[in-house]
Amino acid sequence: MRTYGRDPGGKWVMVETDANGFNDAVYLTTLVQNLKLAPEESPFYAENGIPANSSVIQQVLPTYYVNRLQRQFSQYFSSLQILPVSIDPPIYTISVITHSGSKIITTVNV
């Protein structure tokens, strides 16, 4: 399995299934890309994404959309939590326990 994501420098990098056959990095990268995606922005996955821009304008967190993404991706990890850190701009902390038992915590600015 393979997906692409941006590194902190803005370059696209390929993320693949690891040597042990786990797809945790692939699904985590896809989750982050979905958090940064606006609804109906993707021609293939129009139902994915969160309305971050309108949330900043209205000062209401897009909780429904984030919870929907959490439910959608939770099946791919042993544990998944997405928690809001800031409302303006929307920032979320993703805490994942992978199938190999590793804990990954990352912050996503959407």
N, C-alpha and C. Protein backbone atom coordinates (compact mmCIF):
# COMPACT_ATOMS: atom_id res chain seq x y z
N MET A 1 0.85 -1.16 0.00
CA MET A 1 0.00 0.00 0.00
C MET A 1 0.91 1.23 0.00
N ARG A 2 0.43 2.30 -0.65
CA ARG A 2 1.27 3.50 -0.78
C ARG A 2 0.39 4.74 -0.78
N THR A 3 0.93 5.83 -0.23
CA THR A 3 0.27 7.13 -0.30
C THR A 3 1.37 8.19 -0.34
N TYR A 4 0.97 9.42 -0.53
CA TYR A 4 1.92 10.53 -0.57
C TYR A 4 1.50 11.59 0.44
N GLY A 5 2.49 12.23 1.04
CA GLY A 5 2.24 13.31 1.98
C GLY A 5 3.36 14.33 1.87
N ARG A 6 3.14 15.48 2.46
CA ARG A 6 4.16 16.53 2.42
C ARG A 6 4.99 16.50 3.70
N ASP A 7 6.29 16.68 3.53
CA ASP A 7 7.16 16.80 4.69
C ASP A 7 7.13 18.25 5.17
N PRO A 8 7.76 18.56 6.32
CA PRO A 8 7.72 19.94 6.83
C PRO A 8 8.28 20.98 5.87
N GLY A 9 9.13 20.56 4.95
CA GLY A 9 9.69 21.48 3.96
C GLY A 9 8.79 21.71 2.76
N GLY A 10 7.67 20.98 2.69
CA GLY A 10 6.74 21.15 1.59
C GLY A 10 6.94 20.20 0.42
N LYS A 11 7.94 19.31 0.51
CA LYS A 11 8.18 18.35 -0.56
C LYS A 11 7.27 17.14 -0.39
N TRP A 12 6.79 16.60 -1.51
CA TRP A 12 5.98 15.39 -1.48
C TRP A 12 6.88 14.19 -1.26
N VAL A 13 6.48 13.33 -0.34
CA VAL A 13 7.22 12.09 -0.07
C VAL A 13 6.27 10.91 -0.15
N MET A 14 6.80 9.77 -0.56
CA MET A 14 6.00 8.57 -0.67
C MET A 14 6.08 7.80 0.65
N VAL A 15 4.95 7.31 1.13
CA VAL A 15 4.88 6.51 2.36
C VAL A 15 4.31 5.16 1.97
N GLU A 16 5.02 4.08 2.33
CA GLU A 16 4.60 2.74 1.94
C GLU A 16 4.46 1.83 3.16
N THR A 17 3.91 0.65 2.93
CA THR A 17 3.83 -0.38 3.95
C THR A 17 5.24 -0.66 4.46
N ASP A 18 5.39 -0.79 5.79
CA ASP A 18 6.72 -1.02 6.33
C ASP A 18 7.17 -2.47 6.10
N ALA A 19 8.41 -2.75 6.49
CA ALA A 19 9.01 -4.07 6.24
C ALA A 19 8.26 -5.19 6.94
N ASN A 20 7.57 -4.88 8.04
CA ASN A 20 6.82 -5.91 8.77
C ASN A 20 5.40 -6.08 8.26
N GLY A 21 5.02 -5.34 7.23
CA GLY A 21 3.70 -5.47 6.64
C GLY A 21 2.63 -4.59 7.27
N PHE A 22 3.03 -3.66 8.15
CA PHE A 22 2.06 -2.77 8.79
C PHE A 22 1.83 -1.54 7.92
N ASN A 23 0.57 -1.10 7.85
CA ASN A 23 0.20 0.08 7.07
C ASN A 23 -0.09 1.29 7.94
N ASP A 24 0.37 1.29 9.19
CA ASP A 24 0.05 2.38 10.11
C ASP A 24 0.53 3.73 9.59
N ALA A 25 1.74 3.80 9.04
CA ALA A 25 2.26 5.07 8.53
C ALA A 25 1.45 5.54 7.33
N VAL A 26 0.99 4.62 6.50
CA VAL A 26 0.19 4.97 5.34
C VAL A 26 -1.14 5.59 5.78
N TYR A 27 -1.81 4.93 6.74
CA TYR A 27 -3.09 5.43 7.20
C TYR A 27 -2.96 6.72 8.00
N LEU A 28 -1.88 6.88 8.77
CA LEU A 28 -1.66 8.11 9.51
C LEU A 28 -1.43 9.27 8.54
N THR A 29 -0.65 9.05 7.51
CA THR A 29 -0.42 10.08 6.49
C THR A 29 -1.72 10.45 5.79
N THR A 30 -2.53 9.45 5.47
CA THR A 30 -3.82 9.70 4.82
C THR A 30 -4.76 10.47 5.74
N LEU A 31 -4.74 10.14 7.04
CA LEU A 31 -5.56 10.87 8.01
C LEU A 31 -5.16 12.34 8.07
N VAL A 32 -3.86 12.61 8.13
CA VAL A 32 -3.38 14.00 8.17
C VAL A 32 -3.79 14.73 6.89
N GLN A 33 -3.66 14.08 5.75
CA GLN A 33 -4.06 14.71 4.48
C GLN A 33 -5.55 15.01 4.47
N ASN A 34 -6.36 14.12 5.06
CA ASN A 34 -7.81 14.35 5.14
C ASN A 34 -8.15 15.51 6.06
N LEU A 35 -7.40 15.68 7.15
CA LEU A 35 -7.63 16.81 8.04
C LEU A 35 -7.31 18.13 7.36
N LYS A 36 -6.35 18.12 6.45
CA LYS A 36 -5.97 19.34 5.75
C LYS A 36 -6.82 19.60 4.51
N LEU A 37 -7.64 18.63 4.15
CA LEU A 37 -8.47 18.72 2.96
C LEU A 37 -9.78 19.43 3.27
N ALA A 38 -10.21 20.28 2.35
CA ALA A 38 -11.52 20.92 2.50
C ALA A 38 -12.58 20.00 1.90
N PRO A 39 -13.81 20.04 2.42
CA PRO A 39 -14.86 19.20 1.83
C PRO A 39 -15.04 19.49 0.34
N GLU A 40 -15.23 18.44 -0.42
CA GLU A 40 -15.44 18.50 -1.87
C GLU A 40 -14.24 19.07 -2.62
N GLU A 41 -13.08 19.12 -1.99
CA GLU A 41 -11.88 19.59 -2.67
C GLU A 41 -11.31 18.51 -3.58
N SER A 42 -11.40 17.26 -3.14
CA SER A 42 -10.87 16.15 -3.92
C SER A 42 -11.94 15.63 -4.88
N PRO A 43 -11.58 15.43 -6.15
CA PRO A 43 -12.57 14.88 -7.09
C PRO A 43 -12.88 13.41 -6.82
N PHE A 44 -12.01 12.72 -6.10
CA PHE A 44 -12.19 11.29 -5.83
C PHE A 44 -12.80 11.03 -4.46
N TYR A 45 -12.50 11.90 -3.49
CA TYR A 45 -12.96 11.70 -2.11
C TYR A 45 -13.67 12.96 -1.63
N ALA A 46 -14.74 13.33 -2.31
CA ALA A 46 -15.44 14.58 -2.00
C ALA A 46 -16.06 14.58 -0.61
N GLU A 47 -16.34 13.40 -0.05
CA GLU A 47 -16.96 13.34 1.27
C GLU A 47 -15.93 13.54 2.40
N ASN A 48 -14.66 13.51 2.08
CA ASN A 48 -13.61 13.68 3.09
C ASN A 48 -13.23 15.14 3.24
N GLY A 49 -12.57 15.44 4.36
CA GLY A 49 -12.12 16.79 4.63
C GLY A 49 -12.94 17.45 5.71
N ILE A 50 -12.44 18.58 6.20
CA ILE A 50 -13.16 19.34 7.23
C ILE A 50 -13.24 20.80 6.79
N PRO A 51 -14.31 21.51 7.16
CA PRO A 51 -14.47 22.92 6.78
C PRO A 51 -13.69 23.84 7.71
N ALA A 52 -12.37 23.82 7.62
CA ALA A 52 -11.53 24.59 8.54
C ALA A 52 -11.68 26.09 8.32
N ASN A 53 -11.72 26.54 7.06
CA ASN A 53 -11.82 27.97 6.80
C ASN A 53 -13.10 28.57 7.35
N SER A 54 -14.23 27.92 7.09
CA SER A 54 -15.49 28.46 7.61
C SER A 54 -15.55 28.35 9.13
N SER A 55 -14.83 27.38 9.70
CA SER A 55 -14.79 27.24 11.15
C SER A 55 -14.07 28.41 11.80
N VAL A 56 -13.00 28.88 11.15
CA VAL A 56 -12.28 30.04 11.68
C VAL A 56 -13.16 31.27 11.62
N ILE A 57 -13.88 31.44 10.53
CA ILE A 57 -14.76 32.60 10.38
C ILE A 57 -15.88 32.57 11.40
N GLN A 58 -16.48 31.38 11.61
CA GLN A 58 -17.61 31.26 12.53
C GLN A 58 -17.17 31.04 13.98
N GLN A 59 -15.88 30.78 14.22
CA GLN A 59 -15.33 30.51 15.55
C GLN A 59 -15.98 29.28 16.19
N VAL A 60 -16.26 28.28 15.38
CA VAL A 60 -16.82 27.01 15.85
C VAL A 60 -15.95 25.89 15.31
N LEU A 61 -15.47 25.03 16.19
CA LEU A 61 -14.64 23.91 15.75
C LEU A 61 -15.45 22.94 14.90
N PRO A 62 -14.84 22.36 13.87
CA PRO A 62 -15.54 21.40 13.02
C PRO A 62 -15.58 20.01 13.66
N THR A 63 -16.13 19.94 14.86
CA THR A 63 -16.11 18.72 15.67
C THR A 63 -16.76 17.54 14.96
N TYR A 64 -17.90 17.74 14.33
CA TYR A 64 -18.60 16.66 13.65
C TYR A 64 -17.71 16.01 12.60
N TYR A 65 -17.05 16.82 11.79
CA TYR A 65 -16.22 16.31 10.70
C TYR A 65 -14.98 15.60 11.22
N VAL A 66 -14.39 16.13 12.28
CA VAL A 66 -13.22 15.50 12.88
C VAL A 66 -13.61 14.17 13.51
N ASN A 67 -14.75 14.13 14.19
CA ASN A 67 -15.22 12.87 14.77
C ASN A 67 -15.52 11.83 13.70
N ARG A 68 -16.05 12.28 12.59
CA ARG A 68 -16.32 11.37 11.48
C ARG A 68 -15.02 10.78 10.93
N LEU A 69 -14.00 11.62 10.79
CA LEU A 69 -12.70 11.11 10.34
C LEU A 69 -12.09 10.16 11.37
N GLN A 70 -12.25 10.46 12.66
CA GLN A 70 -11.73 9.59 13.69
C GLN A 70 -12.40 8.22 13.63
N ARG A 71 -13.71 8.20 13.46
CA ARG A 71 -14.42 6.92 13.34
C ARG A 71 -13.98 6.17 12.08
N GLN A 72 -13.78 6.90 11.00
CA GLN A 72 -13.40 6.28 9.74
C GLN A 72 -12.02 5.63 9.82
N PHE A 73 -11.07 6.28 10.50
CA PHE A 73 -9.70 5.79 10.54
C PHE A 73 -9.37 4.95 11.77
N SER A 74 -10.24 4.91 12.76
CA SER A 74 -9.92 4.18 14.00
C SER A 74 -9.75 2.69 13.77
N GLN A 75 -10.37 2.14 12.74
CA GLN A 75 -10.24 0.72 12.46
C GLN A 75 -8.82 0.32 12.03
N TYR A 76 -8.00 1.28 11.64
CA TYR A 76 -6.66 0.99 11.14
C TYR A 76 -5.58 1.06 12.21
N PHE A 77 -5.95 1.40 13.45
CA PHE A 77 -4.99 1.54 14.54
C PHE A 77 -5.49 0.80 15.77
N SER A 78 -4.59 0.51 16.69
CA SER A 78 -5.01 -0.05 17.96
C SER A 78 -5.77 0.99 18.77
N SER A 79 -5.34 2.25 18.68
CA SER A 79 -6.01 3.35 19.36
C SER A 79 -5.78 4.62 18.55
N LEU A 80 -6.81 5.46 18.48
CA LEU A 80 -6.72 6.73 17.77
C LEU A 80 -7.52 7.79 18.51
N GLN A 81 -6.88 8.93 18.79
CA GLN A 81 -7.55 10.08 19.39
C GLN A 81 -7.16 11.32 18.60
N ILE A 82 -8.16 12.15 18.30
CA ILE A 82 -7.91 13.44 17.66
C ILE A 82 -8.51 14.49 18.58
N LEU A 83 -7.66 15.34 19.14
CA LEU A 83 -8.11 16.33 20.12
C LEU A 83 -7.79 17.74 19.64
N PRO A 84 -8.72 18.68 19.83
CA PRO A 84 -8.46 20.07 19.44
C PRO A 84 -7.48 20.73 20.40
N VAL A 85 -6.58 21.52 19.84
CA VAL A 85 -5.61 22.28 20.63
C VAL A 85 -5.94 23.76 20.58
N SER A 86 -6.31 24.23 19.38
CA SER A 86 -6.58 25.65 19.18
C SER A 86 -7.74 25.80 18.20
N ILE A 87 -8.48 26.90 18.36
CA ILE A 87 -9.61 27.15 17.46
C ILE A 87 -9.23 28.10 16.33
N ASP A 88 -8.30 29.01 16.56
CA ASP A 88 -7.94 29.99 15.55
C ASP A 88 -6.43 30.13 15.48
N PRO A 89 -5.79 29.46 14.57
CA PRO A 89 -6.30 28.56 13.55
C PRO A 89 -6.59 27.18 14.14
N PRO A 90 -7.41 26.36 13.45
CA PRO A 90 -7.69 25.02 13.97
C PRO A 90 -6.43 24.16 13.99
N ILE A 91 -6.09 23.69 15.18
CA ILE A 91 -4.93 22.82 15.37
C ILE A 91 -5.40 21.61 16.16
N TYR A 92 -5.00 20.43 15.71
CA TYR A 92 -5.39 19.19 16.36
C TYR A 92 -4.16 18.36 16.72
N THR A 93 -4.26 17.63 17.82
CA THR A 93 -3.25 16.67 18.21
C THR A 93 -3.79 15.28 17.91
N ILE A 94 -3.02 14.50 17.17
CA ILE A 94 -3.39 13.13 16.85
C ILE A 94 -2.51 12.21 17.68
N SER A 95 -3.13 11.33 18.43
CA SER A 95 -2.42 10.35 19.25
C SER A 95 -2.81 8.96 18.76
N VAL A 96 -1.82 8.20 18.33
CA VAL A 96 -2.05 6.89 17.73
C VAL A 96 -1.21 5.84 18.45
N ILE A 97 -1.80 4.69 18.69
CA ILE A 97 -1.04 3.50 19.08
C ILE A 97 -1.15 2.55 17.89
N THR A 98 0.01 2.23 17.31
CA THR A 98 0.03 1.42 16.10
C THR A 98 -0.16 -0.05 16.45
N HIS A 99 -0.31 -0.87 15.43
CA HIS A 99 -0.46 -2.30 15.64
C HIS A 99 0.80 -2.95 16.20
N SER A 100 1.94 -2.31 15.99
CA SER A 100 3.18 -2.85 16.56
C SER A 100 3.40 -2.37 17.99
N GLY A 101 2.50 -1.51 18.51
CA GLY A 101 2.60 -1.04 19.89
C GLY A 101 3.27 0.30 20.06
N SER A 102 3.72 0.91 18.99
CA SER A 102 4.36 2.22 19.07
C SER A 102 3.32 3.30 19.28
N LYS A 103 3.69 4.32 20.05
CA LYS A 103 2.80 5.47 20.26
C LYS A 103 3.34 6.64 19.44
N ILE A 104 2.46 7.24 18.65
CA ILE A 104 2.83 8.38 17.82
C ILE A 104 1.91 9.52 18.17
N ILE A 105 2.50 10.67 18.48
CA ILE A 105 1.74 11.88 18.76
C ILE A 105 2.23 12.96 17.81
N THR A 106 1.31 13.56 17.08
CA THR A 106 1.67 14.61 16.15
C THR A 106 0.62 15.72 16.20
N THR A 107 1.03 16.91 15.84
CA THR A 107 0.14 18.06 15.80
C THR A 107 -0.09 18.46 14.35
N VAL A 108 -1.34 18.76 14.00
CA VAL A 108 -1.69 19.10 12.63
C VAL A 108 -2.36 20.46 12.61
N ASN A 109 -1.81 21.39 11.84
CA ASN A 109 -2.44 22.68 11.59
C ASN A 109 -3.29 22.53 10.35
N VAL A 110 -4.59 22.76 10.47
CA VAL A 110 -5.47 22.56 9.31
C VAL A 110 -5.86 23.84 8.64
